[in-house]
Amino acid sequence: MEEQPKVGPTALGKMVLFLFVLACIAGAAYYFRDLLAPGGRDGGKQVNLDDFKKVEAPDTKGITTVQEYKYVPGEKLPPVKGVSAYKWTRPRRS
């Protein structure tokens, strides 16, 4: 019987993959370090939701910006004048 070739990463590939995973974990820990600290990112302060309501001015006009809509029931596209020089040819079979 023939010997099966080895399949999978080499020792160098395994080491590079391990370092990559370790770097991803370290990067995530650095990015989320404030969330892990006591009090969270904002230092434990309470957020007042009424402050967020004052950011935007109230809209008194309504849902749309269009004030008036005109409906024209009989309007159609104009008829096509002239035709192209295209002629249908049957595709060749080989």
PDB file of N, CA and C in Angstrom:
ATOM      1  N   MET A   1       0.822  -1.179   0.000  1.00  0.00           N
ATOM      2  CA  MET A   1       0.000   0.000   0.000  1.00  0.00           C
ATOM      3  C   MET A   1       0.868   1.245   0.000  1.00  0.00           C
ATOM      4  N   GLU A   2       0.314   2.266  -0.653  1.00  0.00           N
ATOM      5  CA  GLU A   2       1.055   3.531  -0.699  1.00  0.00           C
ATOM      6  C   GLU A   2       0.807   4.324   0.575  1.00  0.00           C
ATOM      7  N   GLU A   3       1.820   5.063   0.959  1.00  0.00           N
ATOM      8  CA  GLU A   3       1.709   5.887   2.163  1.00  0.00           C
ATOM      9  C   GLU A   3       0.927   7.158   1.835  1.00  0.00           C
ATOM     10  N   GLN A   4      -0.011   7.513   2.699  1.00  0.00           N
ATOM     11  CA  GLN A   4      -0.822   8.707   2.497  1.00  0.00           C
ATOM     12  C   GLN A   4       0.024   9.946   2.791  1.00  0.00           C
ATOM     13  N   PRO A   5      -0.076  10.973   1.940  1.00  0.00           N
ATOM     14  CA  PRO A   5       0.675  12.208   2.220  1.00  0.00           C
ATOM     15  C   PRO A   5       0.079  12.922   3.429  1.00  0.00           C
ATOM     16  N   LYS A   6       0.922  13.625   4.160  1.00  0.00           N
ATOM     17  CA  LYS A   6       0.459  14.366   5.331  1.00  0.00           C
ATOM     18  C   LYS A   6      -0.360  15.574   4.875  1.00  0.00           C
ATOM     19  N   VAL A   7      -1.471  15.761   5.535  1.00  0.00           N
ATOM     20  CA  VAL A   7      -2.362  16.857   5.205  1.00  0.00           C
ATOM     21  C   VAL A   7      -2.495  17.741   6.435  1.00  0.00           C
ATOM     22  N   GLY A   8      -2.410  19.047   6.247  1.00  0.00           N
ATOM     23  CA  GLY A   8      -2.583  19.971   7.358  1.00  0.00           C
ATOM     24  C   GLY A   8      -1.454  20.978   7.406  1.00  0.00           C
ATOM     25  N   PRO A   9      -1.553  21.890   8.351  1.00  0.00           N
ATOM     26  CA  PRO A   9      -0.532  22.938   8.445  1.00  0.00           C
ATOM     27  C   PRO A   9       0.796  22.398   8.982  1.00  0.00           C
ATOM     28  N   THR A  10       1.845  23.064   8.588  1.00  0.00           N
ATOM     29  CA  THR A  10       3.173  22.711   9.085  1.00  0.00           C
ATOM     30  C   THR A  10       3.350  23.301  10.487  1.00  0.00           C
ATOM     31  N   ALA A  11       4.484  23.030  11.093  1.00  0.00           N
ATOM     32  CA  ALA A  11       4.763  23.569  12.422  1.00  0.00           C
ATOM     33  C   ALA A  11       4.796  25.102  12.390  1.00  0.00           C
ATOM     34  N   LEU A  12       5.376  25.652  11.319  1.00  0.00           N
ATOM     35  CA  LEU A  12       5.412  27.109  11.182  1.00  0.00           C
ATOM     36  C   LEU A  12       3.994  27.665  11.006  1.00  0.00           C
ATOM     37  N   GLY A  13       3.178  26.979  10.236  1.00  0.00           N
ATOM     38  CA  GLY A  13       1.798  27.415  10.032  1.00  0.00           C
ATOM     39  C   GLY A  13       1.003  27.391  11.322  1.00  0.00           C
ATOM     40  N   LYS A  14       1.210  26.355  12.136  1.00  0.00           N
ATOM     41  CA  LYS A  14       0.519  26.267  13.425  1.00  0.00           C
ATOM     42  C   LYS A  14       0.945  27.396  14.356  1.00  0.00           C
ATOM     43  N   MET A  15       2.227  27.738  14.331  1.00  0.00           N
ATOM     44  CA  MET A  15       2.724  28.804  15.190  1.00  0.00           C
ATOM     45  C   MET A  15       2.164  30.156  14.747  1.00  0.00           C
ATOM     46  N   VAL A  16       2.128  30.398  13.438  1.00  0.00           N
ATOM     47  CA  VAL A  16       1.595  31.659  12.931  1.00  0.00           C
ATOM     48  C   VAL A  16       0.110  31.776  13.267  1.00  0.00           C
ATOM     49  N   LEU A  17      -0.632  30.688  13.109  1.00  0.00           N
ATOM     50  CA  LEU A  17      -2.061  30.689  13.436  1.00  0.00           C
ATOM     51  C   LEU A  17      -2.281  30.947  14.923  1.00  0.00           C
ATOM     52  N   PHE A  18      -1.481  30.335  15.779  1.00  0.00           N
ATOM     53  CA  PHE A  18      -1.593  30.549  17.216  1.00  0.00           C
ATOM     54  C   PHE A  18      -1.316  32.010  17.572  1.00  0.00           C
ATOM     55  N   LEU A  19      -0.283  32.603  16.973  1.00  0.00           N
ATOM     56  CA  LEU A  19       0.035  34.007  17.246  1.00  0.00           C
ATOM     57  C   LEU A  19      -1.068  34.935  16.739  1.00  0.00           C
ATOM     58  N   PHE A  20      -1.664  34.591  15.616  1.00  0.00           N
ATOM     59  CA  PHE A  20      -2.751  35.401  15.072  1.00  0.00           C
ATOM     60  C   PHE A  20      -3.965  35.379  16.001  1.00  0.00           C
ATOM     61  N   VAL A  21      -4.341  34.208  16.479  1.00  0.00           N
ATOM     62  CA  VAL A  21      -5.470  34.094  17.404  1.00  0.00           C
ATOM     63  C   VAL A  21      -5.166  34.827  18.699  1.00  0.00           C
ATOM     64  N   LEU A  22      -3.951  34.699  19.206  1.00  0.00           N
ATOM     65  CA  LEU A  22      -3.556  35.394  20.419  1.00  0.00           C
ATOM     66  C   LEU A  22      -3.615  36.914  20.225  1.00  0.00           C
ATOM     67  N   ALA A  23      -3.182  37.407  19.055  1.00  0.00           N
ATOM     68  CA  ALA A  23      -3.241  38.839  18.767  1.00  0.00           C
ATOM     69  C   ALA A  23      -4.685  39.314  18.667  1.00  0.00           C
ATOM     70  N   CYS A  24      -5.578  38.492  18.098  1.00  0.00           N
ATOM     71  CA  CYS A  24      -6.995  38.872  18.017  1.00  0.00           C
ATOM     72  C   CYS A  24      -7.606  38.977  19.402  1.00  0.00           C
ATOM     73  N   ILE A  25      -7.287  38.058  20.280  1.00  0.00           N
ATOM     74  CA  ILE A  25      -7.817  38.090  21.649  1.00  0.00           C
ATOM     75  C   ILE A  25      -7.274  39.306  22.388  1.00  0.00           C
ATOM     76  N   ALA A  26      -5.985  39.593  22.213  1.00  0.00           N
ATOM     77  CA  ALA A  26      -5.394  40.759  22.874  1.00  0.00           C
ATOM     78  C   ALA A  26      -5.999  42.054  22.331  1.00  0.00           C
ATOM     79  N   GLY A  27      -6.237  42.112  21.035  1.00  0.00           N
ATOM     80  CA  GLY A  27      -6.851  43.304  20.439  1.00  0.00           C
ATOM     81  C   GLY A  27      -8.261  43.520  20.939  1.00  0.00           C
ATOM     82  N   ALA A  28      -9.037  42.437  21.076  1.00  0.00           N
ATOM     83  CA  ALA A  28     -10.400  42.555  21.593  1.00  0.00           C
ATOM     84  C   ALA A  28     -10.380  42.995  23.058  1.00  0.00           C
ATOM     85  N   ALA A  29      -9.453  42.464  23.835  1.00  0.00           N
ATOM     86  CA  ALA A  29      -9.351  42.856  25.237  1.00  0.00           C
ATOM     87  C   ALA A  29      -8.966  44.334  25.358  1.00  0.00           C
ATOM     88  N   TYR A  30      -8.091  44.812  24.486  1.00  0.00           N
ATOM     89  CA  TYR A  30      -7.693  46.222  24.505  1.00  0.00           C
ATOM     90  C   TYR A  30      -8.862  47.116  24.095  1.00  0.00           C
ATOM     91  N   TYR A  31      -9.619  46.675  23.081  1.00  0.00           N
ATOM     92  CA  TYR A  31     -10.744  47.472  22.583  1.00  0.00           C
ATOM     93  C   TYR A  31     -11.862  47.576  23.621  1.00  0.00           C
ATOM     94  N   PHE A  32     -12.134  46.488  24.322  1.00  0.00           N
ATOM     95  CA  PHE A  32     -13.227  46.460  25.287  1.00  0.00           C
ATOM     96  C   PHE A  32     -12.751  46.645  26.725  1.00  0.00           C
ATOM     97  N   ARG A  33     -11.552  47.182  26.923  1.00  0.00           N
ATOM     98  CA  ARG A  33     -10.985  47.303  28.264  1.00  0.00           C
ATOM     99  C   ARG A  33     -11.826  48.197  29.158  1.00  0.00           C
ATOM    100  N   ASP A  34     -12.471  49.227  28.605  1.00  0.00           N
ATOM    101  CA  ASP A  34     -13.282  50.122  29.422  1.00  0.00           C
ATOM    102  C   ASP A  34     -14.552  49.440  29.908  1.00  0.00           C
ATOM    103  N   LEU A  35     -15.078  48.508  29.126  1.00  0.00           N
ATOM    104  CA  LEU A  35     -16.292  47.818  29.540  1.00  0.00           C
ATOM    105  C   LEU A  35     -16.022  46.857  30.687  1.00  0.00           C
ATOM    106  N   LEU A  36     -14.806  46.342  30.762  1.00  0.00           N
ATOM    107  CA  LEU A  36     -14.467  45.394  31.810  1.00  0.00           C
ATOM    108  C   LEU A  36     -14.145  46.087  33.126  1.00  0.00           C
ATOM    109  N   ALA A  37     -13.841  47.381  33.075  1.00  0.00           N
ATOM    110  CA  ALA A  37     -13.503  48.125  34.287  1.00  0.00           C
ATOM    111  C   ALA A  37     -14.763  48.352  35.120  1.00  0.00           C
ATOM    112  N   PRO A  38     -14.621  48.510  36.437  1.00  0.00           N
ATOM    113  CA  PRO A  38     -15.795  48.773  37.280  1.00  0.00           C
ATOM    114  C   PRO A  38     -16.487  50.060  36.854  1.00  0.00           C
ATOM    115  N   GLY A  39     -17.787  50.018  36.700  1.00  0.00           N
ATOM    116  CA  GLY A  39     -18.535  51.207  36.292  1.00  0.00           C
ATOM    117  C   GLY A  39     -18.734  51.289  34.799  1.00  0.00           C
ATOM    118  N   GLY A  40     -18.054  50.492  34.032  1.00  0.00           N
ATOM    119  CA  GLY A  40     -18.232  50.503  32.579  1.00  0.00           C
ATOM    120  C   GLY A  40     -17.535  51.667  31.914  1.00  0.00           C
ATOM    121  N   ARG A  41     -17.903  51.921  30.682  1.00  0.00           N
ATOM    122  CA  ARG A  41     -17.247  52.938  29.875  1.00  0.00           C
ATOM    123  C   ARG A  41     -17.541  54.354  30.362  1.00  0.00           C
ATOM    124  N   ASP A  42     -18.739  54.581  30.885  1.00  0.00           N
ATOM    125  CA  ASP A  42     -19.097  55.934  31.297  1.00  0.00           C
ATOM    126  C   ASP A  42     -18.776  56.215  32.762  1.00  0.00           C
ATOM    127  N   GLY A  43     -18.106  55.309  33.436  1.00  0.00           N
ATOM    128  CA  GLY A  43     -17.708  55.538  34.819  1.00  0.00           C
ATOM    129  C   GLY A  43     -18.841  55.366  35.807  1.00  0.00           C
ATOM    130  N   GLY A  44     -19.920  54.714  35.434  1.00  0.00           N
ATOM    131  CA  GLY A  44     -21.023  54.463  36.342  1.00  0.00           C
ATOM    132  C   GLY A  44     -22.016  55.595  36.415  1.00  0.00           C
ATOM    133  N   LYS A  45     -21.929  56.587  35.542  1.00  0.00           N
ATOM    134  CA  LYS A  45     -22.869  57.703  35.572  1.00  0.00           C
ATOM    135  C   LYS A  45     -24.217  57.252  35.026  1.00  0.00           C
ATOM    136  N   GLN A  46     -25.271  57.808  35.582  1.00  0.00           N
ATOM    137  CA  GLN A  46     -26.618  57.540  35.080  1.00  0.00           C
ATOM    138  C   GLN A  46     -26.877  58.441  33.877  1.00  0.00           C
ATOM    139  N   VAL A  47     -27.519  57.896  32.869  1.00  0.00           N
ATOM    140  CA  VAL A  47     -27.829  58.653  31.667  1.00  0.00           C
ATOM    141  C   VAL A  47     -29.261  59.138  31.743  1.00  0.00           C
ATOM    142  N   ASN A  48     -29.454  60.429  31.522  1.00  0.00           N
ATOM    143  CA  ASN A  48     -30.787  61.018  31.525  1.00  0.00           C
ATOM    144  C   ASN A  48     -31.323  60.973  30.102  1.00  0.00           C
ATOM    145  N   LEU A  49     -32.385  60.198  29.861  1.00  0.00           N
ATOM    146  CA  LEU A  49     -32.925  60.044  28.516  1.00  0.00           C
ATOM    147  C   LEU A  49     -33.619  61.300  28.016  1.00  0.00           C
ATOM    148  N   ASP A  50     -34.010  62.200  28.897  1.00  0.00           N
ATOM    149  CA  ASP A  50     -34.646  63.442  28.464  1.00  0.00           C
ATOM    150  C   ASP A  50     -33.668  64.339  27.714  1.00  0.00           C
ATOM    151  N   ASP A  51     -32.376  64.185  27.959  1.00  0.00           N
ATOM    152  CA  ASP A  51     -31.383  64.982  27.239  1.00  0.00           C
ATOM    153  C   ASP A  51     -31.356  64.630  25.760  1.00  0.00           C
ATOM    154  N   PHE A  52     -31.679  63.401  25.414  1.00  0.00           N
ATOM    155  CA  PHE A  52     -31.639  62.982  24.022  1.00  0.00           C
ATOM    156  C   PHE A  52     -32.851  63.482  23.248  1.00  0.00           C
ATOM    157  N   LYS A  53     -33.936  63.761  23.918  1.00  0.00           N
ATOM    158  CA  LYS A  53     -35.139  64.257  23.253  1.00  0.00           C
ATOM    159  C   LYS A  53     -34.976  65.700  22.801  1.00  0.00           C
ATOM    160  N   LYS A  54     -34.065  66.437  23.394  1.00  0.00           N
ATOM    161  CA  LYS A  54     -33.882  67.844  23.084  1.00  0.00           C
ATOM    162  C   LYS A  54     -32.922  68.079  21.920  1.00  0.00           C
ATOM    163  N   VAL A  55     -32.384  67.026  21.350  1.00  0.00           N
ATOM    164  CA  VAL A  55     -31.374  67.172  20.301  1.00  0.00           C
ATOM    165  C   VAL A  55     -31.979  67.714  19.019  1.00  0.00           C
ATOM    166  N   GLU A  56     -33.183  67.288  18.671  1.00  0.00           N
ATOM    167  CA  GLU A  56     -33.780  67.645  17.400  1.00  0.00           C
ATOM    168  C   GLU A  56     -35.021  68.494  17.616  1.00  0.00           C
ATOM    169  N   ALA A  57     -35.235  69.461  16.729  1.00  0.00           N
ATOM    170  CA  ALA A  57     -36.419  70.305  16.816  1.00  0.00           C
ATOM    171  C   ALA A  57     -37.641  69.504  16.374  1.00  0.00           C
ATOM    172  N   PRO A  58     -38.789  69.734  16.971  1.00  0.00           N
ATOM    173  CA  PRO A  58     -39.985  68.989  16.570  1.00  0.00           C
ATOM    174  C   PRO A  58     -40.408  69.349  15.149  1.00  0.00           C
ATOM    175  N   ASP A  59     -40.929  68.367  14.428  1.00  0.00           N
ATOM    176  CA  ASP A  59     -41.376  68.571  13.058  1.00  0.00           C
ATOM    177  C   ASP A  59     -42.875  68.837  13.081  1.00  0.00           C
ATOM    178  N   THR A  60     -43.260  70.049  12.749  1.00  0.00           N
ATOM    179  CA  THR A  60     -44.673  70.415  12.806  1.00  0.00           C
ATOM    180  C   THR A  60     -45.353  70.354  11.452  1.00  0.00           C
ATOM    181  N   LYS A  61     -44.616  70.101  10.375  1.00  0.00           N
ATOM    182  CA  LYS A  61     -45.189  70.117   9.031  1.00  0.00           C
ATOM    183  C   LYS A  61     -45.963  68.854   8.708  1.00  0.00           C
ATOM    184  N   GLY A  62     -45.555  67.738   9.210  1.00  0.00           N
ATOM    185  CA  GLY A  62     -46.234  66.495   8.891  1.00  0.00           C
ATOM    186  C   GLY A  62     -45.246  65.444   8.402  1.00  0.00           C
ATOM    187  N   ILE A  63     -45.786  64.397   7.787  1.00  0.00           N
ATOM    188  CA  ILE A  63     -44.944  63.272   7.400  1.00  0.00           C
ATOM    189  C   ILE A  63     -44.099  63.579   6.166  1.00  0.00           C
ATOM    190  N   THR A  64     -44.706  64.199   5.147  1.00  0.00           N
ATOM    191  CA  THR A  64     -43.969  64.463   3.909  1.00  0.00           C
ATOM    192  C   THR A  64     -43.643  65.938   3.785  1.00  0.00           C
ATOM    193  N   THR A  65     -42.737  66.240   2.884  1.00  0.00           N
ATOM    194  CA  THR A  65     -42.375  67.631   2.628  1.00  0.00           C
ATOM    195  C   THR A  65     -43.178  68.208   1.473  1.00  0.00           C
ATOM    196  N   VAL A  66     -43.898  67.370   0.728  1.00  0.00           N
ATOM    197  CA  VAL A  66     -44.706  67.833  -0.392  1.00  0.00           C
ATOM    198  C   VAL A  66     -46.014  68.390   0.157  1.00  0.00           C
ATOM    199  N   GLN A  67     -46.351  69.603  -0.220  1.00  0.00           N
ATOM    200  CA  GLN A  67     -47.551  70.238   0.283  1.00  0.00           C
ATOM    201  C   GLN A  67     -48.776  69.886  -0.561  1.00  0.00           C
ATOM    202  N   GLU A  68     -48.579  69.634  -1.848  1.00  0.00           N
ATOM    203  CA  GLU A  68     -49.698  69.451  -2.745  1.00  0.00           C
ATOM    204  C   GLU A  68     -49.338  68.390  -3.771  1.00  0.00           C
ATOM    205  N   TYR A  69     -50.301  67.586  -4.149  1.00  0.00           N
ATOM    206  CA  TYR A  69     -50.059  66.526  -5.126  1.00  0.00           C
ATOM    207  C   TYR A  69     -51.069  66.691  -6.255  1.00  0.00           C
ATOM    208  N   LYS A  70     -50.558  66.716  -7.500  1.00  0.00           N
ATOM    209  CA  LYS A  70     -51.441  66.847  -8.659  1.00  0.00           C
ATOM    210  C   LYS A  70     -51.436  65.522  -9.417  1.00  0.00           C
ATOM    211  N   TYR A  71     -52.608  64.951  -9.599  1.00  0.00           N
ATOM    212  CA  TYR A  71     -52.751  63.690 -10.322  1.00  0.00           C
ATOM    213  C   TYR A  71     -53.275  63.976 -11.720  1.00  0.00           C
ATOM    214  N   VAL A  72     -52.554  63.484 -12.722  1.00  0.00           N
ATOM    215  CA  VAL A  72     -52.966  63.652 -14.108  1.00  0.00           C
ATOM    216  C   VAL A  72     -53.308  62.265 -14.636  1.00  0.00           C
ATOM    217  N   PRO A  73     -54.595  61.918 -14.772  1.00  0.00           N
ATOM    218  CA  PRO A  73     -54.962  60.543 -15.098  1.00  0.00           C
ATOM    219  C   PRO A  73     -54.678  60.118 -16.528  1.00  0.00           C
ATOM    220  N   GLY A  74     -54.720  61.008 -17.496  1.00  0.00           N
ATOM    221  CA  GLY A  74     -54.617  60.589 -18.891  1.00  0.00           C
ATOM    222  C   GLY A  74     -53.236  60.772 -19.498  1.00  0.00           C
ATOM    223  N   GLU A  75     -52.248  61.080 -18.728  1.00  0.00           N
ATOM    224  CA  GLU A  75     -50.928  61.359 -19.296  1.00  0.00           C
ATOM    225  C   GLU A  75     -50.216  60.059 -19.646  1.00  0.00           C
ATOM    226  N   LYS A  76     -49.725  59.971 -20.900  1.00  0.00           N
ATOM    227  CA  LYS A  76     -49.028  58.777 -21.367  1.00  0.00           C
ATOM    228  C   LYS A  76     -47.721  59.186 -22.024  1.00  0.00           C
ATOM    229  N   LEU A  77     -46.858  58.212 -22.248  1.00  0.00           N
ATOM    230  CA  LEU A  77     -45.621  58.482 -22.971  1.00  0.00           C
ATOM    231  C   LEU A  77     -45.938  58.751 -24.435  1.00  0.00           C
ATOM    232  N   PRO A  78     -45.171  59.614 -25.092  1.00  0.00           N
ATOM    233  CA  PRO A  78     -45.440  59.877 -26.511  1.00  0.00           C
ATOM    234  C   PRO A  78     -45.098  58.641 -27.350  1.00  0.00           C
ATOM    235  N   PRO A  79     -45.759  58.460 -28.494  1.00  0.00           N
ATOM    236  CA  PRO A  79     -45.466  57.304 -29.335  1.00  0.00           C
ATOM    237  C   PRO A  79     -44.051  57.382 -29.915  1.00  0.00           C
ATOM    238  N   VAL A  80     -43.464  56.230 -30.165  1.00  0.00           N
ATOM    239  CA  VAL A  80     -42.112  56.155 -30.715  1.00  0.00           C
ATOM    240  C   VAL A  80     -42.155  56.515 -32.190  1.00  0.00           C
ATOM    241  N   LYS A  81     -41.274  57.413 -32.606  1.00  0.00           N
ATOM    242  CA  LYS A  81     -41.211  57.823 -34.006  1.00  0.00           C
ATOM    243  C   LYS A  81     -40.015  57.139 -34.649  1.00  0.00           C
ATOM    244  N   GLY A  82     -40.274  56.315 -35.640  1.00  0.00           N
ATOM    245  CA  GLY A  82     -39.193  55.622 -36.333  1.00  0.00           C
ATOM    246  C   GLY A  82     -38.826  54.334 -35.612  1.00  0.00           C
ATOM    247  N   VAL A  83     -38.077  53.520 -36.304  1.00  0.00           N
ATOM    248  CA  VAL A  83     -37.632  52.248 -35.739  1.00  0.00           C
ATOM    249  C   VAL A  83     -36.141  52.116 -35.964  1.00  0.00           C
ATOM    250  N   SER A  84     -35.538  51.193 -35.261  1.00  0.00           N
ATOM    251  CA  SER A  84     -34.104  50.985 -35.431  1.00  0.00           C
ATOM    252  C   SER A  84     -33.855  50.101 -36.650  1.00  0.00           C
ATOM    253  N   ALA A  85     -32.613  49.978 -37.045  1.00  0.00           N
ATOM    254  CA  ALA A  85     -32.238  49.172 -38.199  1.00  0.00           C
ATOM    255  C   ALA A  85     -31.913  47.736 -37.803  1.00  0.00           C
ATOM    256  N   TYR A  86     -32.317  47.327 -36.623  1.00  0.00           N
ATOM    257  CA  TYR A  86     -32.002  45.986 -36.137  1.00  0.00           C
ATOM    258  C   TYR A  86     -32.908  44.968 -36.804  1.00  0.00           C
ATOM    259  N   LYS A  87     -32.304  43.891 -37.296  1.00  0.00           N
ATOM    260  CA  LYS A  87     -33.066  42.803 -37.886  1.00  0.00           C
ATOM    261  C   LYS A  87     -32.682  41.512 -37.187  1.00  0.00           C
ATOM    262  N   TRP A  88     -33.669  40.727 -36.862  1.00  0.00           N
ATOM    263  CA  TRP A  88     -33.450  39.471 -36.164  1.00  0.00           C
ATOM    264  C   TRP A  88     -32.831  38.451 -37.108  1.00  0.00           C
ATOM    265  N   THR A  89     -31.750  37.820 -36.644  1.00  0.00           N
ATOM    266  CA  THR A  89     -31.163  36.706 -37.379  1.00  0.00           C
ATOM    267  C   THR A  89     -31.146  35.511 -36.469  1.00  0.00           C
ATOM    268  N   ARG A  90     -31.447  34.389 -37.027  1.00  0.00           N
ATOM    269  CA  ARG A  90     -31.496  33.168 -36.233  1.00  0.00           C
ATOM    270  C   ARG A  90     -30.068  32.754 -35.891  1.00  0.00           C
ATOM    271  N   PRO A  91     -29.783  32.380 -34.637  1.00  0.00           N
ATOM    272  CA  PRO A  91     -28.425  31.962 -34.268  1.00  0.00           C
ATOM    273  C   PRO A  91     -28.039  30.674 -34.963  1.00  0.00           C
ATOM    274  N   ARG A  92     -26.782  30.568 -35.303  1.00  0.00           N
ATOM    275  CA  ARG A  92     -26.280  29.375 -35.969  1.00  0.00           C
ATOM    276  C   ARG A  92     -26.014  28.263 -34.966  1.00  0.00           C
ATOM    277  N   ARG A  93     -26.309  27.083 -35.354  1.00  0.00           N
ATOM    278  CA  ARG A  93     -25.997  25.922 -34.515  1.00  0.00           C
ATOM    279  C   ARG A  93     -24.764  25.238 -35.082  1.00  0.00           C
ATOM    280  N   SER A  94     -23.888  24.875 -34.185  1.00  0.00           N
ATOM    281  CA  SER A  94     -22.674  24.224 -34.682  1.00  0.00           C
ATOM    282  C   SER A  94     -22.642  22.758 -34.386  1.00  0.00           C
TER     283      SER A  94
END
